[in-house]
């Protein structure tokens, strides 16, 4: 029986959804390699720091939501563009970049920006 190969882009989305929606331990188990290098300055380096951060985030903000707007895969890199809504209707746009080795996530960079009430150009940020 043949099984379809899952792309790194699909893995990055599944990883992010699973962690964001409250199961970072399983996300790390399924999608992260032996090492995990973190470049977000508010999250510690390594797998356990990632798990701790997302566990705390889920406890404090269980009603947050995420929409994956765009995703791009180029060799061992995946970029995700998301629209997040948090309690109080605070909205954010994120750009996350994941580096893969042997089909597993090993490094992460991101940028986050709150969506302002007004825009000089009238275009959505997502």
N, C-alpha and C. Protein backbone atom coordinates (compact mmCIF):
# COMPACT_ATOMS: atom_id res chain seq x y z
N UNK A 1 0.84 -1.18 0.00
CA UNK A 1 0.00 0.00 0.00
C UNK A 1 0.88 1.25 0.00
N UNK A 2 0.63 2.16 -0.89
CA UNK A 2 1.38 3.41 -0.97
C UNK A 2 0.75 4.46 -0.06
N UNK A 3 1.60 5.21 0.61
CA UNK A 3 1.10 6.33 1.41
C UNK A 3 1.72 7.61 0.88
N UNK A 4 0.96 8.66 0.88
CA UNK A 4 1.43 9.94 0.37
C UNK A 4 2.43 10.54 1.34
N UNK A 5 3.48 11.11 0.78
CA UNK A 5 4.47 11.79 1.59
C UNK A 5 3.91 13.14 2.02
N UNK A 6 4.06 13.47 3.28
CA UNK A 6 3.59 14.75 3.81
C UNK A 6 4.70 15.78 3.62
N UNK A 7 4.36 16.90 3.02
CA UNK A 7 5.35 17.95 2.77
C UNK A 7 5.76 18.63 4.07
N UNK A 8 6.93 19.27 4.04
CA UNK A 8 7.36 20.05 5.20
C UNK A 8 6.36 21.16 5.50
N UNK A 9 5.76 21.74 4.48
CA UNK A 9 4.75 22.78 4.68
C UNK A 9 3.57 22.22 5.47
N UNK A 10 3.10 21.04 5.10
CA UNK A 10 1.98 20.41 5.84
C UNK A 10 2.39 20.08 7.26
N UNK A 11 3.63 19.65 7.45
CA UNK A 11 4.12 19.34 8.81
C UNK A 11 4.19 20.60 9.66
N UNK A 12 4.67 21.70 9.08
CA UNK A 12 4.78 22.96 9.84
C UNK A 12 3.41 23.45 10.28
N UNK A 13 2.43 23.37 9.39
CA UNK A 13 1.07 23.79 9.73
C UNK A 13 0.49 22.89 10.83
N UNK A 14 0.65 21.59 10.68
CA UNK A 14 0.13 20.65 11.69
C UNK A 14 0.80 20.89 13.04
N UNK A 15 2.11 21.11 13.03
CA UNK A 15 2.87 21.39 14.25
C UNK A 15 2.35 22.64 14.94
N UNK A 16 2.21 23.71 14.17
CA UNK A 16 1.78 24.99 14.73
C UNK A 16 0.35 24.88 15.28
N UNK A 17 -0.55 24.28 14.51
CA UNK A 17 -1.94 24.12 14.97
C UNK A 17 -1.99 23.34 16.27
N UNK A 18 -1.28 22.22 16.31
CA UNK A 18 -1.32 21.35 17.48
C UNK A 18 -0.78 22.07 18.72
N UNK A 19 0.33 22.77 18.58
CA UNK A 19 0.91 23.47 19.72
C UNK A 19 0.03 24.64 20.14
N UNK A 20 -0.42 25.43 19.18
CA UNK A 20 -1.23 26.62 19.44
C UNK A 20 -2.56 26.25 20.10
N UNK A 21 -3.12 25.12 19.71
CA UNK A 21 -4.42 24.70 20.23
C UNK A 21 -4.32 23.83 21.48
N UNK A 22 -3.15 23.79 22.10
CA UNK A 22 -3.07 23.20 23.43
C UNK A 22 -2.37 21.87 23.58
N UNK A 23 -1.69 21.37 22.55
CA UNK A 23 -0.99 20.11 22.72
C UNK A 23 0.46 20.22 22.22
N UNK A 24 1.26 21.10 22.85
CA UNK A 24 2.63 21.27 22.40
C UNK A 24 3.51 20.04 22.61
N UNK A 25 3.23 19.25 23.62
CA UNK A 25 4.04 18.05 23.87
C UNK A 25 3.93 17.08 22.70
N UNK A 26 2.73 16.84 22.23
CA UNK A 26 2.53 15.94 21.10
C UNK A 26 3.09 16.55 19.83
N UNK A 27 2.95 17.86 19.66
CA UNK A 27 3.50 18.54 18.48
C UNK A 27 5.01 18.34 18.40
N UNK A 28 5.68 18.51 19.52
CA UNK A 28 7.14 18.33 19.56
C UNK A 28 7.48 16.87 19.28
N UNK A 29 6.75 15.96 19.89
CA UNK A 29 7.01 14.53 19.70
C UNK A 29 6.91 14.13 18.22
N UNK A 30 5.90 14.65 17.53
CA UNK A 30 5.65 14.26 16.15
C UNK A 30 6.50 14.99 15.12
N UNK A 31 6.82 16.26 15.38
CA UNK A 31 7.36 17.10 14.30
C UNK A 31 8.73 17.72 14.53
N UNK A 32 9.30 17.59 15.73
CA UNK A 32 10.58 18.26 16.02
C UNK A 32 11.70 17.22 16.07
N UNK A 33 12.86 17.63 15.55
CA UNK A 33 14.03 16.77 15.54
C UNK A 33 14.70 16.69 16.90
N UNK A 34 15.93 16.20 16.90
CA UNK A 34 16.67 16.03 18.15
C UNK A 34 16.98 17.36 18.83
N UNK A 35 17.12 18.41 18.03
CA UNK A 35 17.39 19.74 18.60
C UNK A 35 16.28 20.69 18.15
N UNK A 36 16.12 21.78 18.87
CA UNK A 36 15.15 22.81 18.49
C UNK A 36 15.74 24.16 18.87
N UNK A 37 16.17 24.90 17.86
CA UNK A 37 16.78 26.21 18.07
C UNK A 37 15.68 27.26 17.93
N UNK A 38 15.52 28.06 18.97
CA UNK A 38 14.45 29.06 19.02
C UNK A 38 15.05 30.46 18.91
N UNK A 39 14.51 31.28 18.01
CA UNK A 39 14.99 32.65 17.84
C UNK A 39 14.02 33.70 18.38
N UNK A 40 12.83 33.30 18.81
CA UNK A 40 11.89 34.23 19.43
C UNK A 40 12.47 34.59 20.80
N UNK A 41 12.72 35.88 21.09
CA UNK A 41 13.39 36.25 22.34
C UNK A 41 12.57 36.04 23.61
N UNK A 42 11.27 35.77 23.51
CA UNK A 42 10.48 35.54 24.72
C UNK A 42 10.27 34.05 25.00
N UNK A 43 10.83 33.18 24.16
CA UNK A 43 10.72 31.73 24.36
C UNK A 43 12.13 31.18 24.50
N UNK A 44 12.33 30.35 25.51
CA UNK A 44 13.65 29.75 25.71
C UNK A 44 14.02 28.80 24.59
N UNK A 45 15.28 28.46 24.51
CA UNK A 45 15.79 27.54 23.51
C UNK A 45 15.44 26.10 23.89
N UNK A 46 15.26 25.26 22.91
CA UNK A 46 15.05 23.84 23.16
C UNK A 46 13.59 23.44 23.22
N UNK A 47 13.39 22.14 23.16
CA UNK A 47 12.04 21.56 23.09
C UNK A 47 11.22 21.83 24.35
N UNK A 48 11.81 21.64 25.52
CA UNK A 48 11.04 21.79 26.76
C UNK A 48 10.60 23.24 26.97
N UNK A 49 11.45 24.19 26.61
CA UNK A 49 11.06 25.60 26.72
C UNK A 49 9.87 25.91 25.82
N UNK A 50 9.87 25.34 24.61
CA UNK A 50 8.75 25.51 23.70
C UNK A 50 7.48 24.93 24.30
N UNK A 51 7.56 23.72 24.84
CA UNK A 51 6.40 23.07 25.47
C UNK A 51 5.88 23.91 26.62
N UNK A 52 6.78 24.37 27.48
CA UNK A 52 6.38 25.17 28.64
C UNK A 52 5.68 26.46 28.20
N UNK A 53 6.22 27.14 27.19
CA UNK A 53 5.64 28.40 26.72
C UNK A 53 4.23 28.18 26.18
N UNK A 54 4.05 27.19 25.31
CA UNK A 54 2.75 26.98 24.70
C UNK A 54 1.73 26.38 25.67
N UNK A 55 2.19 25.63 26.67
CA UNK A 55 1.30 25.12 27.71
C UNK A 55 0.75 26.30 28.52
N UNK A 56 1.63 27.21 28.91
CA UNK A 56 1.21 28.39 29.68
C UNK A 56 0.27 29.27 28.85
N UNK A 57 0.59 29.45 27.56
CA UNK A 57 -0.25 30.27 26.68
C UNK A 57 -1.66 29.68 26.59
N UNK A 58 -1.77 28.36 26.48
CA UNK A 58 -3.08 27.71 26.39
C UNK A 58 -3.86 27.88 27.69
N UNK A 59 -3.18 27.77 28.83
CA UNK A 59 -3.85 27.94 30.12
C UNK A 59 -4.36 29.37 30.29
N UNK A 60 -3.59 30.35 29.86
CA UNK A 60 -3.95 31.75 30.04
C UNK A 60 -4.92 32.27 28.98
N UNK A 61 -4.86 31.71 27.76
CA UNK A 61 -5.67 32.19 26.64
C UNK A 61 -6.31 31.04 25.86
N UNK A 62 -7.19 30.29 26.49
CA UNK A 62 -7.76 29.11 25.81
C UNK A 62 -8.67 29.47 24.63
N UNK A 63 -9.17 30.69 24.57
CA UNK A 63 -10.12 31.06 23.52
C UNK A 63 -9.48 31.76 22.32
N UNK A 64 -8.17 31.73 22.22
CA UNK A 64 -7.51 32.33 21.07
C UNK A 64 -7.79 31.48 19.82
N UNK A 65 -7.63 32.10 18.64
CA UNK A 65 -7.82 31.34 17.41
C UNK A 65 -6.77 31.72 16.39
N UNK A 66 -6.57 30.85 15.42
CA UNK A 66 -5.56 31.08 14.39
C UNK A 66 -6.09 30.67 13.03
N UNK A 67 -5.74 31.46 12.04
CA UNK A 67 -6.07 31.15 10.65
C UNK A 67 -4.76 31.17 9.87
N UNK A 68 -4.51 30.12 9.11
CA UNK A 68 -3.31 30.06 8.27
C UNK A 68 -3.66 30.68 6.93
N UNK A 69 -3.06 31.81 6.63
CA UNK A 69 -3.39 32.59 5.45
C UNK A 69 -2.56 32.16 4.25
N UNK A 70 -1.26 31.99 4.46
CA UNK A 70 -0.34 31.60 3.40
C UNK A 70 0.73 30.68 3.96
N UNK A 71 1.26 29.85 3.08
CA UNK A 71 2.41 29.03 3.45
C UNK A 71 3.27 28.84 2.21
N UNK A 72 4.57 28.87 2.43
CA UNK A 72 5.53 28.74 1.34
C UNK A 72 6.62 27.76 1.77
N UNK A 73 6.96 26.85 0.88
CA UNK A 73 8.03 25.90 1.16
C UNK A 73 9.13 26.08 0.12
N UNK A 74 10.36 26.18 0.59
CA UNK A 74 11.52 26.29 -0.29
C UNK A 74 12.62 25.42 0.30
N UNK A 75 12.84 24.28 -0.30
CA UNK A 75 13.85 23.32 0.17
C UNK A 75 13.56 22.97 1.64
N UNK A 76 14.48 23.29 2.54
CA UNK A 76 14.31 22.92 3.95
C UNK A 76 13.68 24.03 4.79
N UNK A 77 13.16 25.08 4.15
CA UNK A 77 12.53 26.19 4.88
C UNK A 77 11.04 26.28 4.57
N UNK A 78 10.26 26.59 5.60
CA UNK A 78 8.82 26.81 5.44
C UNK A 78 8.47 28.12 6.11
N UNK A 79 7.68 28.94 5.42
CA UNK A 79 7.18 30.20 5.97
C UNK A 79 5.67 30.12 6.10
N UNK A 80 5.15 30.52 7.26
CA UNK A 80 3.72 30.56 7.51
C UNK A 80 3.30 31.99 7.84
N UNK A 81 2.22 32.43 7.24
CA UNK A 81 1.63 33.75 7.48
C UNK A 81 0.29 33.49 8.15
N UNK A 82 0.10 33.98 9.37
CA UNK A 82 -1.13 33.69 10.10
C UNK A 82 -1.84 34.95 10.55
N UNK A 83 -3.12 34.78 10.80
CA UNK A 83 -3.97 35.81 11.41
C UNK A 83 -4.47 35.20 12.71
N UNK A 84 -4.15 35.86 13.83
CA UNK A 84 -4.53 35.36 15.14
C UNK A 84 -5.50 36.34 15.81
N UNK A 85 -6.51 35.78 16.48
CA UNK A 85 -7.44 36.59 17.26
C UNK A 85 -7.35 36.11 18.70
N UNK A 86 -7.15 37.06 19.61
CA UNK A 86 -6.96 36.77 21.03
C UNK A 86 -8.13 37.36 21.82
N UNK A 87 -8.27 36.98 23.10
CA UNK A 87 -9.33 37.55 23.93
C UNK A 87 -9.32 39.07 23.87
N UNK A 88 -10.51 39.65 23.92
CA UNK A 88 -10.64 41.09 23.80
C UNK A 88 -10.62 41.54 22.35
N UNK A 89 -10.67 40.56 21.44
CA UNK A 89 -10.65 40.79 19.99
C UNK A 89 -9.36 41.45 19.52
N UNK A 90 -8.27 41.26 20.26
CA UNK A 90 -6.96 41.72 19.78
C UNK A 90 -6.56 40.83 18.62
N UNK A 91 -6.14 41.44 17.52
CA UNK A 91 -5.76 40.68 16.34
C UNK A 91 -4.29 40.91 16.01
N UNK A 92 -3.64 39.84 15.58
CA UNK A 92 -2.22 39.89 15.25
C UNK A 92 -1.98 39.17 13.93
N UNK A 93 -0.91 39.58 13.28
CA UNK A 93 -0.41 38.89 12.10
C UNK A 93 0.97 38.37 12.47
N UNK A 94 1.24 37.12 12.12
CA UNK A 94 2.56 36.56 12.38
C UNK A 94 3.17 36.04 11.09
N UNK A 95 4.47 36.03 11.08
CA UNK A 95 5.27 35.39 10.05
C UNK A 95 6.20 34.44 10.79
N UNK A 96 6.05 33.16 10.54
CA UNK A 96 6.88 32.15 11.18
C UNK A 96 7.70 31.43 10.13
N UNK A 97 8.95 31.17 10.46
CA UNK A 97 9.85 30.46 9.56
C UNK A 97 10.41 29.25 10.29
N UNK A 98 10.34 28.11 9.65
CA UNK A 98 10.82 26.86 10.22
C UNK A 98 11.88 26.25 9.31
N UNK A 99 12.96 25.77 9.90
CA UNK A 99 13.99 25.04 9.16
C UNK A 99 13.88 23.57 9.51
N UNK A 100 13.92 22.74 8.50
CA UNK A 100 13.80 21.30 8.66
C UNK A 100 15.14 20.61 8.39
N UNK A 101 15.36 19.52 9.09
CA UNK A 101 16.45 18.57 8.80
C UNK A 101 15.84 17.18 8.84
N UNK A 102 16.05 16.42 7.80
CA UNK A 102 15.54 15.05 7.73
C UNK A 102 14.05 14.97 8.04
N UNK A 103 13.28 15.95 7.55
CA UNK A 103 11.83 15.93 7.71
C UNK A 103 11.32 16.38 9.06
N UNK A 104 12.19 16.91 9.91
CA UNK A 104 11.80 17.37 11.25
C UNK A 104 12.20 18.83 11.44
N UNK A 105 11.39 19.56 12.20
CA UNK A 105 11.68 20.97 12.51
C UNK A 105 12.84 21.03 13.49
N UNK A 106 13.82 21.88 13.18
CA UNK A 106 14.98 22.02 14.06
C UNK A 106 15.28 23.48 14.43
N UNK A 107 14.59 24.43 13.75
CA UNK A 107 14.87 25.84 14.03
C UNK A 107 13.65 26.68 13.68
N UNK A 108 13.46 27.78 14.44
CA UNK A 108 12.28 28.63 14.27
C UNK A 108 12.62 30.10 14.48
N UNK A 109 12.07 30.94 13.58
CA UNK A 109 12.13 32.39 13.68
C UNK A 109 10.70 32.90 13.53
N UNK A 110 10.39 34.05 14.12
CA UNK A 110 9.06 34.63 13.90
C UNK A 110 9.07 36.14 14.11
N UNK A 111 8.01 36.75 13.61
CA UNK A 111 7.74 38.17 13.82
C UNK A 111 6.24 38.29 14.01
N UNK A 112 5.84 39.15 14.93
CA UNK A 112 4.42 39.33 15.22
C UNK A 112 4.11 40.82 15.25
N UNK A 113 2.95 41.16 14.73
CA UNK A 113 2.54 42.57 14.71
C UNK A 113 1.05 42.66 15.00
N UNK A 114 0.69 43.55 15.91
CA UNK A 114 -0.73 43.76 16.19
C UNK A 114 -1.36 44.51 15.03
N UNK A 115 -2.56 44.12 14.65
CA UNK A 115 -3.27 44.78 13.57
C UNK A 115 -3.85 46.08 14.12
N UNK A 116 -3.49 47.21 13.53
CA UNK A 116 -3.98 48.50 14.03
C UNK A 116 -5.44 48.73 13.65
N UNK A 117 -6.08 49.63 14.35
CA UNK A 117 -7.48 49.96 14.07
C UNK A 117 -7.64 50.61 12.70
N UNK A 118 -6.63 51.35 12.26
CA UNK A 118 -6.70 52.04 10.98
C UNK A 118 -5.45 51.74 10.16
N UNK A 119 -5.62 51.78 8.84
CA UNK A 119 -4.52 51.53 7.93
C UNK A 119 -4.45 52.67 6.91
N UNK A 120 -3.26 53.18 6.66
CA UNK A 120 -3.10 54.26 5.68
C UNK A 120 -3.42 53.81 4.27
N UNK A 121 -3.31 52.49 3.99
CA UNK A 121 -3.56 52.02 2.64
C UNK A 121 -4.88 51.25 2.48
N UNK A 122 -5.51 50.89 3.58
CA UNK A 122 -6.78 50.18 3.53
C UNK A 122 -6.67 48.70 3.20
N UNK A 123 -5.46 48.19 3.03
CA UNK A 123 -5.28 46.77 2.73
C UNK A 123 -5.18 45.96 4.01
N UNK A 124 -5.70 44.73 3.98
CA UNK A 124 -5.56 43.83 5.13
C UNK A 124 -4.10 43.43 5.27
N UNK A 125 -3.71 43.11 6.49
CA UNK A 125 -2.36 42.62 6.74
C UNK A 125 -2.27 41.12 6.53
N UNK A 126 -3.38 40.52 6.21
CA UNK A 126 -3.42 39.09 5.95
C UNK A 126 -4.25 38.85 4.75
